[in-house]
Structure formats: C-alpha cells, structure tokens
C-alpha atoms as a PDB file:
ATOM      1  CA  MET A   1      28.248 -14.863  65.753  1.00  0.00           C
ATOM      2  CA  SER A   2      27.117 -18.565  66.706  1.00  0.00           C
ATOM      3  CA  THR A   3      27.917 -19.853  63.307  1.00  0.00           C
ATOM      4  CA  TYR A   4      31.337 -19.061  63.281  1.00  0.00           C
ATOM      5  CA  LYS A   5      33.920 -20.687  65.150  1.00  0.00           C
ATOM      6  CA  ARG A   6      37.658 -19.867  65.772  1.00  0.00           C
ATOM      7  CA  CYS A   7      39.527 -21.829  63.811  1.00  0.00           C
ATOM      8  CA  CYS A   8      41.153 -24.403  67.033  1.00  0.00           C
ATOM      9  CA  ALA A   9      44.356 -24.237  64.924  1.00  0.00           C
ATOM     10  CA  CYS A  10      45.268 -20.731  63.239  1.00  0.00           C
ATOM     11  CA  ASP A  11      42.333 -18.604  64.456  1.00  0.00           C
ATOM     12  CA  TYR A  12      40.590 -18.687  61.336  1.00  0.00           C
ATOM     13  CA  TRP A  13      37.064 -18.397  61.016  1.00  0.00           C
ATOM     14  CA  VAL A  14      34.988 -21.432  59.903  1.00  0.00           C
ATOM     15  CA  THR A  15      31.440 -22.255  60.526  1.00  0.00           C
ATOM     16  CA  THR A  16      29.781 -25.651  60.444  1.00  0.00           C
ATOM     17  CA  ALA A  17      30.121 -25.969  55.688  1.00  0.00           C
ATOM     18  CA  ASP A  18      34.444 -25.913  56.749  1.00  0.00           C
ATOM     19  CA  LYS A  19      35.377 -29.504  56.621  1.00  0.00           C
ATOM     20  CA  ARG A  20      38.683 -28.406  56.629  1.00  0.00           C
ATOM     21  CA  CYS A  21      40.123 -24.154  57.345  1.00  0.00           C
ATOM     22  CA  PRO A  22      40.311 -23.040  53.972  1.00  0.00           C
ATOM     23  CA  ASN A  23      43.816 -20.897  55.938  1.00  0.00           C
ATOM     24  CA  CYS A  24      45.740 -23.847  57.532  1.00  0.00           C
ATOM     25  CA  GLY A  25      44.054 -26.651  56.225  1.00  0.00           C
ATOM     26  CA  ILE A  26      43.454 -29.079  58.749  1.00  0.00           C
ATOM     27  CA  SER A  27      40.428 -30.797  59.231  1.00  0.00           C
ATOM     28  CA  ASP A  28      37.343 -31.009  61.249  1.00  0.00           C
ATOM     29  CA  PRO A  29      39.106 -27.168  62.203  1.00  0.00           C
ATOM     30  CA  ARG A  30      35.905 -26.522  64.599  1.00  0.00           C
ATOM     31  CA  THR A  31      36.408 -29.496  66.985  1.00  0.00           C
ATOM     32  CA  ASP A  32      39.166 -28.776  70.079  1.00  0.00           C
ATOM     33  CA  ARG A  33      41.358 -30.633  70.425  1.00  0.00           C
ATOM     34  CA  THR A  34      42.011 -30.732  74.075  1.00  0.00           C
ATOM     35  CA  ASP A  35      39.791 -32.840  74.784  1.00  0.00           C
ATOM     36  CA  SER A  36      42.349 -35.679  72.774  1.00  0.00           C
ATOM     37  CA  LEU A  37      44.742 -34.611  73.956  1.00  0.00           C
ATOM     38  CA  THR A  38      46.732 -37.279  77.069  1.00  0.00           C
ATOM     39  CA  MET A  39      48.939 -36.654  79.588  1.00  0.00           C
ATOM     40  CA  GLU A  40      51.442 -39.412  78.887  1.00  0.00           C
ATOM     41  CA  ALA A  41      54.451 -38.770  77.548  1.00  0.00           C
ATOM     42  CA  PRO A  42      54.960 -39.895  73.356  1.00  0.00           C
ATOM     43  CA  MET A  43      56.959 -43.010  72.649  1.00  0.00           C
ATOM     44  CA  THR A  44      60.237 -42.923  71.934  1.00  0.00           C
ATOM     45  CA  ASP A  45      62.243 -44.824  69.535  1.00  0.00           C
ATOM     46  CA  GLY A  46      63.650 -46.075  72.440  1.00  0.00           C
ATOM     47  CA  THR A  47      61.024 -47.099  74.412  1.00  0.00           C
ATOM     48  CA  ARG A  48      59.213 -48.403  71.376  1.00  0.00           C
ATOM     49  CA  ALA A  49      62.922 -51.395  71.084  1.00  0.00           C
ATOM     50  CA  ALA A  50      63.035 -52.118  74.114  1.00  0.00           C
ATOM     51  CA  PHE A  51      58.995 -53.025  73.986  1.00  0.00           C
ATOM     52  CA  GLY A  52      59.252 -54.748  70.883  1.00  0.00           C
ATOM     53  CA  GLY A  53      62.199 -56.467  72.264  1.00  0.00           C
ATOM     54  CA  PHE A  54      59.857 -57.831  75.152  1.00  0.00           C
ATOM     55  CA  VAL A  55      57.265 -58.791  73.029  1.00  0.00           C
ATOM     56  CA  GLY A  56      60.341 -60.856  70.763  1.00  0.00           C
ATOM     57  CA  ALA A  57      61.820 -62.607  74.087  1.00  0.00           C
ATOM     58  CA  VAL A  58      58.695 -63.751  75.344  1.00  0.00           C
ATOM     59  CA  ILE A  59      57.737 -65.098  71.881  1.00  0.00           C
ATOM     60  CA  GLY A  60      60.980 -66.380  71.113  1.00  0.00           C
ATOM     61  CA  GLY A  61      60.742 -67.878  74.665  1.00  0.00           C
ATOM     62  CA  PHE A  62      57.464 -70.126  73.832  1.00  0.00           C
ATOM     63  CA  LEU A  63      59.340 -70.926  70.320  1.00  0.00           C
ATOM     64  CA  MET A  64      62.589 -73.092  71.330  1.00  0.00           C
ATOM     65  CA  GLN A  65      64.288 -72.566  74.288  1.00  0.00           C
ATOM     66  CA  GLY A  66      67.710 -70.634  74.234  1.00  0.00           C
ATOM     67  CA  MET A  67      68.737 -69.746  71.511  1.00  0.00           C
ATOM     68  CA  GLY A  68      65.512 -68.735  70.671  1.00  0.00           C
ATOM     69  CA  VAL A  69      64.656 -66.187  73.259  1.00  0.00           C
ATOM     70  CA  ALA A  70      67.830 -64.777  71.861  1.00  0.00           C
ATOM     71  CA  VAL A  71      67.055 -64.126  67.950  1.00  0.00           C
ATOM     72  CA  GLY A  72      63.420 -63.156  69.697  1.00  0.00           C
ATOM     73  CA  VAL A  73      65.182 -60.040  70.774  1.00  0.00           C
ATOM     74  CA  ALA A  74      67.133 -59.313  67.713  1.00  0.00           C
ATOM     75  CA  VAL A  75      64.034 -59.454  66.219  1.00  0.00           C
ATOM     76  CA  GLY A  76      62.201 -57.842  67.850  1.00  0.00           C
ATOM     77  CA  VAL A  77      64.564 -54.892  68.851  1.00  0.00           C
ATOM     78  CA  SER A  78      64.006 -54.428  64.992  1.00  0.00           C
ATOM     79  CA  LEU A  79      60.834 -55.160  65.087  1.00  0.00           C
ATOM     80  CA  GLY A  80      60.969 -52.098  67.266  1.00  0.00           C
ATOM     81  CA  VAL A  81      63.559 -49.754  65.827  1.00  0.00           C
ATOM     82  CA  LEU A  82      61.966 -49.563  63.353  1.00  0.00           C
ATOM     83  CA  LEU A  83      59.096 -49.187  64.380  1.00  0.00           C
ATOM     84  CA  GLY A  84      60.460 -46.649  66.230  1.00  0.00           C
ATOM     85  CA  ALA A  85      62.038 -44.402  63.306  1.00  0.00           C
ATOM     86  CA  ASP A  86      58.810 -44.240  61.374  1.00  0.00           C
ATOM     87  CA  ARG A  87      57.492 -40.868  62.528  1.00  0.00           C
ATOM     88  CA  GLU A  88      54.726 -41.425  60.373  1.00  0.00           C
ATOM     89  CA  TRP A  89      53.062 -43.483  62.029  1.00  0.00           C
ATOM     90  CA  ALA A  90      53.916 -42.406  64.902  1.00  0.00           C
ATOM     91  CA  PRO A  91      50.315 -42.057  67.365  1.00  0.00           C
ATOM     92  CA  GLY A  92      48.348 -39.907  67.001  1.00  0.00           C
ATOM     93  CA  GLU A  93      50.115 -38.935  63.329  1.00  0.00           C
ATOM     94  CA  MET A  94      49.085 -39.353  60.273  1.00  0.00           C
ATOM     95  CA  PRO A  95      51.014 -40.798  56.654  1.00  0.00           C
ATOM     96  CA  GLY A  96      52.801 -37.999  55.245  1.00  0.00           C
ATOM     97  CA  ALA A  97      50.583 -39.129  52.102  1.00  0.00           C
ATOM     98  CA  LEU A  98      47.821 -37.658  54.116  1.00  0.00           C
ATOM     99  CA  ILE A  99      50.065 -35.020  55.427  1.00  0.00           C
ATOM    100  CA  ARG A 100      50.535 -33.559  51.970  1.00  0.00           C
ATOM    101  CA  THR A 101      46.841 -33.874  51.351  1.00  0.00           C
ATOM    102  CA  ARG A 102      45.226 -32.566  54.421  1.00  0.00           C
ATOM    103  CA  HIS A 103      47.684 -28.999  53.611  1.00  0.00           C
ATOM    104  CA  MET A 104      46.603 -28.911  50.066  1.00  0.00           C
ATOM    105  CA  ALA A 105      45.038 -26.154  48.720  1.00  0.00           C
ATOM    106  CA  SER A 106      44.897 -23.985  51.912  1.00  0.00           C
ATOM    107  CA  LEU A 107      46.551 -20.992  52.772  1.00  0.00           C
ATOM    108  CA  ARG A 108      49.476 -21.759  54.274  1.00  0.00           C
ATOM    109  CA  HIS A 109      50.264 -24.521  51.693  1.00  0.00           C
ATOM    110  CA  VAL A 110      50.179 -21.659  49.008  1.00  0.00           C
ATOM    111  CA  GLU A 111      51.596 -18.966  51.090  1.00  0.00           C
ATOM    112  CA  ASP A 112      55.076 -21.828  51.283  1.00  0.00           C
ATOM    113  CA  THR A 113      54.827 -22.376  47.126  1.00  0.00           C
ATOM    114  CA  ILE A 114      54.689 -18.814  46.861  1.00  0.00           C
ATOM    115  CA  GLN A 115      57.552 -18.236  47.779  1.00  0.00           C
ATOM    116  CA  GLU A 116      59.739 -21.459  46.705  1.00  0.00           C
ATOM    117  CA  ARG A 117      58.398 -20.026  43.543  1.00  0.00           C
ATOM    118  CA  LEU A 118      59.682 -16.060  44.105  1.00  0.00           C
ATOM    119  CA  SER A 119      62.992 -17.931  45.490  1.00  0.00           C
ATOM    120  CA  ASP A 120      63.730 -19.548  42.045  1.00  0.00           C
ATOM    121  CA  ILE A 121      62.297 -16.929  39.675  1.00  0.00           C
ATOM    122  CA  ALA A 122      65.571 -14.607  41.496  1.00  0.00           C
ATOM    123  CA  SER A 123      67.694 -17.312  41.180  1.00  0.00           C
ATOM    124  CA  ARG A 124      66.830 -17.759  37.853  1.00  0.00           C
ATOM    125  CA  GLU A 125      66.541 -13.737  37.402  1.00  0.00           C
ATOM    126  CA  LYS A 126      70.115 -13.474  39.139  1.00  0.00           C
ATOM    127  CA  ARG A 127      71.487 -15.687  36.501  1.00  0.00           C
ATOM    128  CA  LEU A 128      69.886 -12.984  33.298  1.00  0.00           C
ATOM    129  CA  PHE A 129      70.682 -10.333  34.829  1.00  0.00           C
ATOM    130  CA  GLU A 130      74.944 -11.566  35.368  1.00  0.00           C
ATOM    131  CA  VAL A 131      74.467 -13.097  31.612  1.00  0.00           C
ATOM    132  CA  ARG A 132      73.341  -9.640  30.126  1.00  0.00           C
ATOM    133  CA  HIS A 133      76.430  -8.158  32.017  1.00  0.00           C
ATOM    134  CA  LYS A 134      78.607 -10.168  30.160  1.00  0.00           C
ATOM    135  CA  THR A 135      77.291  -9.815  27.463  1.00  0.00           C
ATOM    136  CA  GLU A 136      77.515  -6.392  27.546  1.00  0.00           C
ATOM    137  CA  ALA A 137      81.559  -7.020  28.596  1.00  0.00           C
ATOM    138  CA  GLU A 138      81.790  -7.944  25.403  1.00  0.00           C
ATOM    139  CA  ALA A 139      79.852  -5.575  22.684  1.00  0.00           C
ATOM    140  CA  VAL A 140      82.857  -4.341  21.366  1.00  0.00           C
ATOM    141  CA  SER A 141      84.032  -7.718  20.285  1.00  0.00           C
ATOM    142  CA  MET A 142      80.562  -9.212  19.137  1.00  0.00           C
ATOM    143  CA  GLY A 143      79.108  -8.343  16.082  1.00  0.00           C
ATOM    144  CA  GLN A 144      76.035  -5.909  15.698  1.00  0.00           C
ATOM    145  CA  THR A 145      74.111  -8.412  14.317  1.00  0.00           C
ATOM    146  CA  ARG A 146      74.870 -10.763  17.464  1.00  0.00           C
ATOM    147  CA  MET A 147      74.688  -8.573  20.001  1.00  0.00           C
ATOM    148  CA  GLU A 148      70.899  -7.094  19.186  1.00  0.00           C
ATOM    149  CA  LYS A 149      69.705 -10.971  19.546  1.00  0.00           C
ATOM    150  CA  LEU A 150      71.333 -11.373  21.945  1.00  0.00           C
ATOM    151  CA  ARG A 151      69.936  -8.698  24.049  1.00  0.00           C
ATOM    152  CA  SER A 152      66.890  -8.923  22.641  1.00  0.00           C
ATOM    153  CA  ALA A 153      66.869 -11.984  24.250  1.00  0.00           C
ATOM    154  CA  LEU A 154      67.708 -11.608  27.593  1.00  0.00           C
ATOM    155  CA  GLU A 155      64.942  -8.514  27.746  1.00  0.00           C
ATOM    156  CA  SER A 156      62.913 -10.478  27.328  1.00  0.00           C
ATOM    157  CA  ALA A 157      63.619 -12.960  29.297  1.00  0.00           C
ATOM    158  CA  ILE A 158      63.603 -10.246  32.164  1.00  0.00           C
ATOM    159  CA  ALA A 159      60.484  -8.640  31.045  1.00  0.00           C
ATOM    160  CA  ILE A 160      58.535 -12.728  31.151  1.00  0.00           C
ATOM    161  CA  LEU A 161      60.187 -13.083  34.963  1.00  0.00           C
ATOM    162  CA  ALA A 162      59.505 -10.174  36.579  1.00  0.00           C
ATOM    163  CA  ARG A 163      55.311 -10.064  35.143  1.00  0.00           C
ATOM    164  CA  GLN A 164      55.825 -13.663  36.934  1.00  0.00           C
ATOM    165  CA  ARG A 165      57.154 -12.142  39.979  1.00  0.00           C
ATOM    166  CA  GLU A 166      54.604  -9.564  40.375  1.00  0.00           C
ATOM    167  CA  ARG A 167      51.706 -11.796  39.620  1.00  0.00           C
ATOM    168  CA  TYR A 168      52.747 -13.893  42.549  1.00  0.00           C
ATOM    169  CA  HIS A 169      53.542 -10.719  44.632  1.00  0.00           C
ATOM    170  CA  ALA A 170      50.368 -10.449  44.201  1.00  0.00           C
ATOM    171  CA  LYS A 171      48.375 -13.162  44.984  1.00  0.00           C
ATOM    172  CA  LEU A 172      50.331 -13.218  48.203  1.00  0.00           C
ATOM    173  CA  TRP A 173      48.202 -10.152  47.909  1.00  0.00           C
ATOM    174  CA  GLU A 174      45.387 -11.798  47.386  1.00  0.00           C
ATOM    175  CA  ILE A 175      45.885 -14.013  50.514  1.00  0.00           C
ATOM    176  CA  ALA A 176      46.066 -11.207  52.528  1.00  0.00           C
ATOM    177  CA  LEU A 177      43.147  -9.844  51.560  1.00  0.00           C
ATOM    178  CA  VAL A 178      40.725 -13.957  51.745  1.00  0.00           C
ATOM    179  CA  ARG A 179      42.151 -13.469  56.067  1.00  0.00           C
ATOM    180  CA  TRP A 180      41.179  -9.941  56.521  1.00  0.00           C
ATOM    181  CA  GLN A 181      37.632 -10.197  54.870  1.00  0.00           C
ATOM    182  CA  ASN A 182      37.343 -13.687  56.929  1.00  0.00           C
ATOM    183  CA  ASN A 183      37.602 -10.804  59.721  1.00  0.00           C
ATOM    184  CA  LEU A 184      35.173  -9.228  58.708  1.00  0.00           C
ATOM    185  CA  GLU A 185      32.658 -12.281  58.167  1.00  0.00           C
ATOM    186  CA  PRO A 186      31.593 -12.813  61.605  1.00  0.00           C
ATOM    187  CA  LEU A 187      30.743  -8.800  61.677  1.00  0.00           C
ATOM    188  CA  ALA A 188      27.859  -8.774  59.371  1.00  0.00           C
ATOM    189  CA  SER A 189      26.077 -12.125  61.284  1.00  0.00           C
ATOM    190  CA  ASP A 190      23.391 -12.015  63.510  1.00  0.00           C
ATOM    191  CA  TRP A 191      23.891  -8.282  64.384  1.00  0.00           C
ATOM    192  CA  ASP A 192      19.955  -7.531  63.870  1.00  0.00           C
ATOM    193  CA  LYS A 193      19.943  -9.422  66.899  1.00  0.00           C
ATOM    194  CA  LEU A 194      22.626  -7.769  68.806  1.00  0.00           C
ATOM    195  CA  THR A 195      22.375  -5.644  72.212  1.00  0.00           C
ATOM    196  CA  HIS A 196      23.497  -1.767  72.928  1.00  0.00           C
ATOM    197  CA  ASP A 197      26.516  -3.508  74.161  1.00  0.00           C
ATOM    198  CA  GLU A 198      26.995  -5.842  71.461  1.00  0.00           C
ATOM    199  CA  CYS A 199      26.310  -3.191  68.909  1.00  0.00           C
ATOM    200  CA  ASN A 200      29.035  -0.930  71.167  1.00  0.00           C
ATOM    201  CA  HIS A 201      31.585  -3.618  71.445  1.00  0.00           C
ATOM    202  CA  ARG A 202      31.313  -4.857  67.365  1.00  0.00           C
ATOM    203  CA  LEU A 203      31.509  -1.472  66.250  1.00  0.00           C
ATOM    204  CA  ARG A 204      35.279  -0.994  67.685  1.00  0.00           C
ATOM    205  CA  GLN A 205      35.928  -3.823  65.580  1.00  0.00           C
ATOM    206  CA  LEU A 206      34.454  -3.522  63.090  1.00  0.00           C
ATOM    207  CA  GLU A 207      36.854   0.526  63.161  1.00  0.00           C
ATOM    208  CA  ALA A 208      39.589  -1.563  63.910  1.00  0.00           C
ATOM    209  CA  ALA A 209      39.129  -4.464  60.299  1.00  0.00           C
ATOM    210  CA  ARG A 210      38.669  -0.842  58.385  1.00  0.00           C
ATOM    211  CA  ASP A 211      41.384   0.849  59.476  1.00  0.00           C
ATOM    212  CA  ARG A 212      43.863  -2.444  58.393  1.00  0.00           C
ATOM    213  CA  GLY A 213      41.445  -2.202  54.891  1.00  0.00           C
ATOM    214  CA  GLU A 214      42.228   0.969  54.455  1.00  0.00           C
ATOM    215  CA  ALA A 215      46.694   1.085  55.198  1.00  0.00           C
ATOM    216  CA  PHE A 216      45.928  -2.485  52.173  1.00  0.00           C
ATOM    217  CA  LEU A 217      44.766   0.161  50.240  1.00  0.00           C
ATOM    218  CA  ARG A 218      47.679   2.547  50.787  1.00  0.00           C
ATOM    219  CA  ASP A 219      50.289   0.116  50.410  1.00  0.00           C
ATOM    220  CA  TRP A 220      49.097  -0.266  47.297  1.00  0.00           C
ATOM    221  CA  ALA A 221      47.732   3.007  45.730  1.00  0.00           C
ATOM    222  CA  GLY A 222      52.077   3.174  43.926  1.00  0.00           C
ATOM    223  CA  VAL A 223      52.122  -0.097  42.860  1.00  0.00           C
ATOM    224  CA  ASP A 224      51.613  -1.015  38.696  1.00  0.00           C
ATOM    225  CA  LEU A 225      48.643  -3.204  38.205  1.00  0.00           C
ATOM    226  CA  SER A 226      48.370  -2.224  34.893  1.00  0.00           C
ATOM    227  CA  GLU A 227      49.316  -5.442  33.587  1.00  0.00           C
ATOM    228  CA  ILE A 228      48.848  -7.739  36.509  1.00  0.00           C
ATOM    229  CA  PRO A 229      45.008  -8.456  37.006  1.00  0.00           C
ATOM    230  CA  GLU A 230      45.142  -9.987  39.722  1.00  0.00           C
ATOM    231  CA  GLY A 231      46.333  -7.288  41.113  1.00  0.00           C
ATOM    232  CA  ASP A 232      44.317  -4.813  39.997  1.00  0.00           C
ATOM    233  CA  ARG A 233      41.400  -7.552  40.973  1.00  0.00           C
ATOM    234  CA  CYS A 234      42.887  -6.726  44.675  1.00  0.00           C
ATOM    235  CA  VAL A 235      42.418  -3.094  44.528  1.00  0.00           C
ATOM    236  CA  ALA A 236      38.775  -2.976  43.543  1.00  0.00           C
ATOM    237  CA  ARG A 237      37.275  -6.492  45.097  1.00  0.00           C
ATOM    238  CA  LEU A 238      38.718  -3.897  49.030  1.00  0.00           C
ATOM    239  CA  ARG A 239      37.178  -0.930  47.594  1.00  0.00           C
ATOM    240  CA  GLN A 240      33.906  -2.099  47.590  1.00  0.00           C
ATOM    241  CA  ALA A 241      35.048  -4.265  51.214  1.00  0.00           C
ATOM    242  CA  LEU A 242      35.472  -0.970  52.728  1.00  0.00           C
ATOM    243  CA  ALA A 243      32.068   0.034  50.987  1.00  0.00           C
ATOM    244  CA  SER A 244      29.941  -2.382  52.747  1.00  0.00           C
ATOM    245  CA  CYS A 245      31.960  -1.555  56.645  1.00  0.00           C
ATOM    246  CA  ALA A 246      30.476   2.104  55.954  1.00  0.00           C
ATOM    247  CA  LYS A 247      27.141   0.271  55.238  1.00  0.00           C
ATOM    248  CA  LEU A 248      27.419  -2.396  58.014  1.00  0.00           C
ATOM    249  CA  ARG A 249      27.870   0.320  60.431  1.00  0.00           C
ATOM    250  CA  GLU A 250      25.217   2.442  59.406  1.00  0.00           C
ATOM    251  CA  ALA A 251      23.374  -0.638  59.898  1.00  0.00           C
ATOM    252  CA  LEU A 252      24.377  -1.258  63.756  1.00  0.00           C
ATOM    253  CA  ILE A 253      24.088   2.536  64.603  1.00  0.00           C
ATOM    254  CA  VAL A 254      20.410   2.112  63.341  1.00  0.00           C
ATOM    255  CA  GLN A 255      20.326  -1.513  65.665  1.00  0.00           C
ATOM    256  CA  GLN A 256      20.929   1.158  68.658  1.00  0.00           C
ATOM    257  CA  ALA A 257      18.853   3.691  68.062  1.00  0.00           C
ATOM    258  CA  ALA A 258      16.274   1.758  67.491  1.00  0.00           C
ATOM    259  CA  LEU A 259      16.892  -0.507  70.546  1.00  0.00           C
ATOM    260  CA  ALA A 260      17.155   2.869  72.170  1.00  0.00           C
ATOM    261  CA  VAL A 261      13.347   3.579  71.499  1.00  0.00           C
ATOM    262  CA  LYS A 262      11.699   0.048  72.000  1.00  0.00           C
ATOM    263  CA  GLY A 263       9.457   0.788  73.983  1.00  0.00           C
ATOM    264  CA  ILE A 264       8.041   4.282  73.241  1.00  0.00           C
ATOM    265  CA  ALA A 265       5.689   3.545  70.801  1.00  0.00           C
ATOM    266  CA  PRO A 266       5.882   7.356  68.580  1.00  0.00           C
ATOM    267  CA  MET A 267       9.643   7.416  68.962  1.00  0.00           C
ATOM    268  CA  GLU A 268       9.427   3.979  67.055  1.00  0.00           C
ATOM    269  CA  ASP A 269       6.757   4.148  65.149  1.00  0.00           C
ATOM    270  CA  ALA A 270       8.881   7.177  63.555  1.00  0.00           C
ATOM    271  CA  LEU A 271      11.707   4.765  63.108  1.00  0.00           C
ATOM    272  CA  VAL A 272      10.598   2.356  61.364  1.00  0.00           C
ATOM    273  CA  PRO A 273      11.126   4.244  58.002  1.00  0.00           C
ATOM    274  CA  ALA A 274      14.995   4.304  59.053  1.00  0.00           C
ATOM    275  CA  MET A 275      15.472   1.046  59.258  1.00  0.00           C
ATOM    276  CA  ALA A 276      15.464   0.581  55.467  1.00  0.00           C
ATOM    277  CA  PRO A 277      19.464   0.659  55.094  1.00  0.00           C
ATOM    278  CA  THR A 278      19.827  -2.345  57.025  1.00  0.00           C
ATOM    279  CA  LYS A 279      18.255  -4.290  53.794  1.00  0.00           C
ATOM    280  CA  SER A 280      21.070  -3.720  51.903  1.00  0.00           C
ATOM    281  CA  LEU A 281      22.609  -5.807  54.658  1.00  0.00           C
ATOM    282  CA  GLU A 282      21.162  -8.395  52.674  1.00  0.00           C
ATOM    283  CA  ASN A 283      23.644  -8.678  49.844  1.00  0.00           C
ATOM    284  CA  LEU A 284      26.804  -7.881  51.488  1.00  0.00           C
ATOM    285  CA  ASP A 285      28.877 -10.867  49.515  1.00  0.00           C
ATOM    286  CA  LEU A 286      32.389  -8.823  49.829  1.00  0.00           C
ATOM    287  CA  PHE A 287      32.852 -10.187  53.063  1.00  0.00           C
ATOM    288  CA  ASN A 288      32.200 -13.754  51.880  1.00  0.00           C
ATOM    289  CA  ALA A 289      35.723 -14.778  51.745  1.00  0.00           C
ATOM    290  CA  ARG A 290      34.757 -18.356  50.536  1.00  0.00           C
ATOM    291  CA  ALA A 291      33.703 -15.864  46.896  1.00  0.00           C
ATOM    292  CA  THR A 292      37.544 -14.996  46.644  1.00  0.00           C
ATOM    293  CA  LEU A 293      39.208 -17.967  47.907  1.00  0.00           C
ATOM    294  CA  GLY A 294      37.197 -19.835  45.250  1.00  0.00           C
ATOM    295  CA  GLU A 295      38.341 -17.514  42.292  1.00  0.00           C
ATOM    296  CA  PHE A 296      42.060 -16.952  43.784  1.00  0.00           C
ATOM    297  CA  SER A 297      42.336 -20.868  43.722  1.00  0.00           C
ATOM    298  CA  SER A 298      41.187 -20.285  39.642  1.00  0.00           C
ATOM    299  CA  ALA A 299      43.568 -17.596  39.167  1.00  0.00           C
ATOM    300  CA  PHE A 300      46.352 -19.793  41.214  1.00  0.00           C
ATOM    301  CA  SER A 301      46.221 -21.774  39.646  1.00  0.00           C
ATOM    302  CA  GLU A 302      46.297 -21.450  35.461  1.00  0.00           C
ATOM    303  CA  LEU A 303      49.691 -19.114  37.273  1.00  0.00           C
ATOM    304  CA  GLU A 304      51.163 -22.631  38.142  1.00  0.00           C
ATOM    305  CA  ALA A 305      50.350 -23.866  34.784  1.00  0.00           C
ATOM    306  CA  GLU A 306      52.862 -21.133  33.755  1.00  0.00           C
ATOM    307  CA  TYR A 307      55.569 -21.343  35.541  1.00  0.00           C
ATOM    308  CA  SER A 308      55.460 -24.422  35.102  1.00  0.00           C
ATOM    309  CA  ARG A 309      55.818 -24.002  31.070  1.00  0.00           C
ATOM    310  CA  LEU A 310      58.033 -21.399  31.768  1.00  0.00           C
ATOM    311  CA  LYS A 311      59.587 -23.837  34.135  1.00  0.00           C
ATOM    312  CA  SER A 312      59.769 -26.566  31.309  1.00  0.00           C
ATOM    313  CA  GLU A 313      60.735 -24.296  28.216  1.00  0.00           C
ATOM    314  CA  ASP A 314      63.697 -22.987  30.512  1.00  0.00           C
ATOM    315  CA  GLU A 315      64.817 -26.647  31.432  1.00  0.00           C
ATOM    316  CA  ILE A 316      64.833 -27.764  27.579  1.00  0.00           C
ATOM    317  CA  ALA A 317      66.684 -24.581  26.296  1.00  0.00           C
ATOM    318  CA  GLU A 318      69.240 -25.655  29.273  1.00  0.00           C
ATOM    319  CA  GLN A 319      69.708 -28.953  27.986  1.00  0.00           C
ATOM    320  CA  ALA A 320      69.672 -28.055  24.245  1.00  0.00           C
ATOM    321  CA  VAL A 321      72.716 -25.985  24.903  1.00  0.00           C
ATOM    322  CA  MET A 322      74.588 -29.355  26.263  1.00  0.00           C
ATOM    323  CA  VAL A 323      74.141 -30.934  23.967  1.00  0.00           C
ATOM    324  CA  ARG A 324      75.604 -28.637  21.228  1.00  0.00           C
ATOM    325  CA  ARG A 325      78.295 -28.991  23.631  1.00  0.00           C
ATOM    326  CA  MET A 326      78.985 -32.317  23.474  1.00  0.00           C
ATOM    327  CA  GLY A 327      78.847 -32.790  19.782  1.00  0.00           C
END
C-alpha cells in the first residue's frame, strides 16, 4: 500500500508514476495542497482597483504636480480593475489555456465530453423522428419511389446515430470500470506483508469491491453488446477481474493461515506447498487500471474521429440544402 496514495483532489488512487491524476487531471496529485493554503482572504476586484489607484497616485505625484496625481489615480484604478477582472491570472490560479491542458485526457473531462455528445445526438435524433413523422403523414401524396428513398435515408441515419449513442454509453461504462479497477489496485499491493488483522481488513475491502463489480455485471447483462465492441470488452474485462478477485481472496486467506502457524515447525512446513496459489498474483495485470485507461483513450479517440466525420457530413448536407433553397 506504500506506493499508493489518494489523489489530493478526487481520492483516485495514484502512484509516484502519476504526474497527473488520470481521474481529475490535477498535476502532482500526491502532493497535499493544505500546506500551501493561507488564511489570507483573496484579493477582490475592488481591492485590486484601490491598490492600483494608490500605486498610480504615488507614481503620478512623483512625475507631476496637481494634475499628475489625478492622472496617476485614473490610470492606476483602470489598471487595477483590469487586473481584477482577469480572473485567470489571480493568485494561485492558472491561465485558461493551462487549465484546459490540465484537464486534457482526464476521466472527468472525457465524461463531460461524452455528455455533450449524447446531448447533441439526442437533438439530432429528435429532428430525424420529427421529419420521419411528417414524411409518413405525407405518404399518400408522395410518390412511392420518392417515399421509399426518404424512408430508407431516414432509417439509415437513425440507425447510425443510435449506434453512436450506444458506443458513447459504453464509454461511460468503461470509465466506471477503470475507477472500479483503480480501487482494486491497492488491494493487491504488499498482500504478503500484511498482519492477520490487516488481512481481515483487506478481505472486507475486497468483498465490497467484488460486490460492486458483480452489480456492474448484472446491470450490463441485459444489454445487447453484439454491435458494441466497447461494451463487449467491458464485460470480458470485468469477468476476468472478478476471477482475479477470487485469486486474491484465496491468497489473503493463505497468508492468514501462514501467520497463524508461524513458529510451529511441523505445521509451518506442512503449509509451504499450500502457498503455491499465491504465485498467480504475480500477474494480476487485470487490476491495472492504467492498462485499461490506455486502451480506453485510444478507442475514445477513434470514436471522437467518427463523431467528427458524421458531424461534418451533417453540416455539409445542411449547407447544401440552404444553397438549393437560395438558388
């Protein structure tokens, strides 16, 4: 457990290798921010304006007499207000560009992006359903050939958007899986150095994590994943991780048994062969949320590229319609 520490901002488990938290994106997630906080109140816009005015008045007083003070105050106040209005450069904060970079590739940032995509897809689906309803209402007056072409185009577009929607939903599942695996990672750390009581505590944590994993599996069991590769991978990875939970549980129990008979020579010698199952824990990569996160990021980039392509095609089609109307 010594290599793992909670992120100071979101409680995600991080190691010394994590320069940024994979979950929230904050830099140096292992550094406790409480030491860097002060009891001073933040400088408000008005305070900055007053301070700027004071500095301007002093400078103006040195440069000119009479009118120079007034000019210095005016310039100083204006400068102070501008500094106060620029919230991104306030003490302890970063420019907006750096803030955006900080959140790049974090799970929370991806979640926000997915929600935006789902909202856009829902709006586009609504428009398609409205058009389909109007088209069906005009079926009698339309020619059969034209009606069939319209119906085919609409159904095809609806199916494409539905698949996009399901794939984005599957990405939300993957995020949940990564976070679940992250909670498992520390449980497989230093298991062979635990005391009897620490083993009991670890077993309780493992049981709670396994229950959450099985709940995920039940939730996904009723979903057709035949055309959603992301969802299918989620379920397969979850099943494998649950199997690894069973191996870890077995290892912890064996560790407790070894501790219980320690010092009793005949019993200790008899238990040595029983320690063999613990070797399976050397390859518990299924608990490695970082490996899953790498696969997730790559697949998400592909999904985003597909979304952008469809979005561009939709915009081009709308522009073509507008041109025809203007002509």
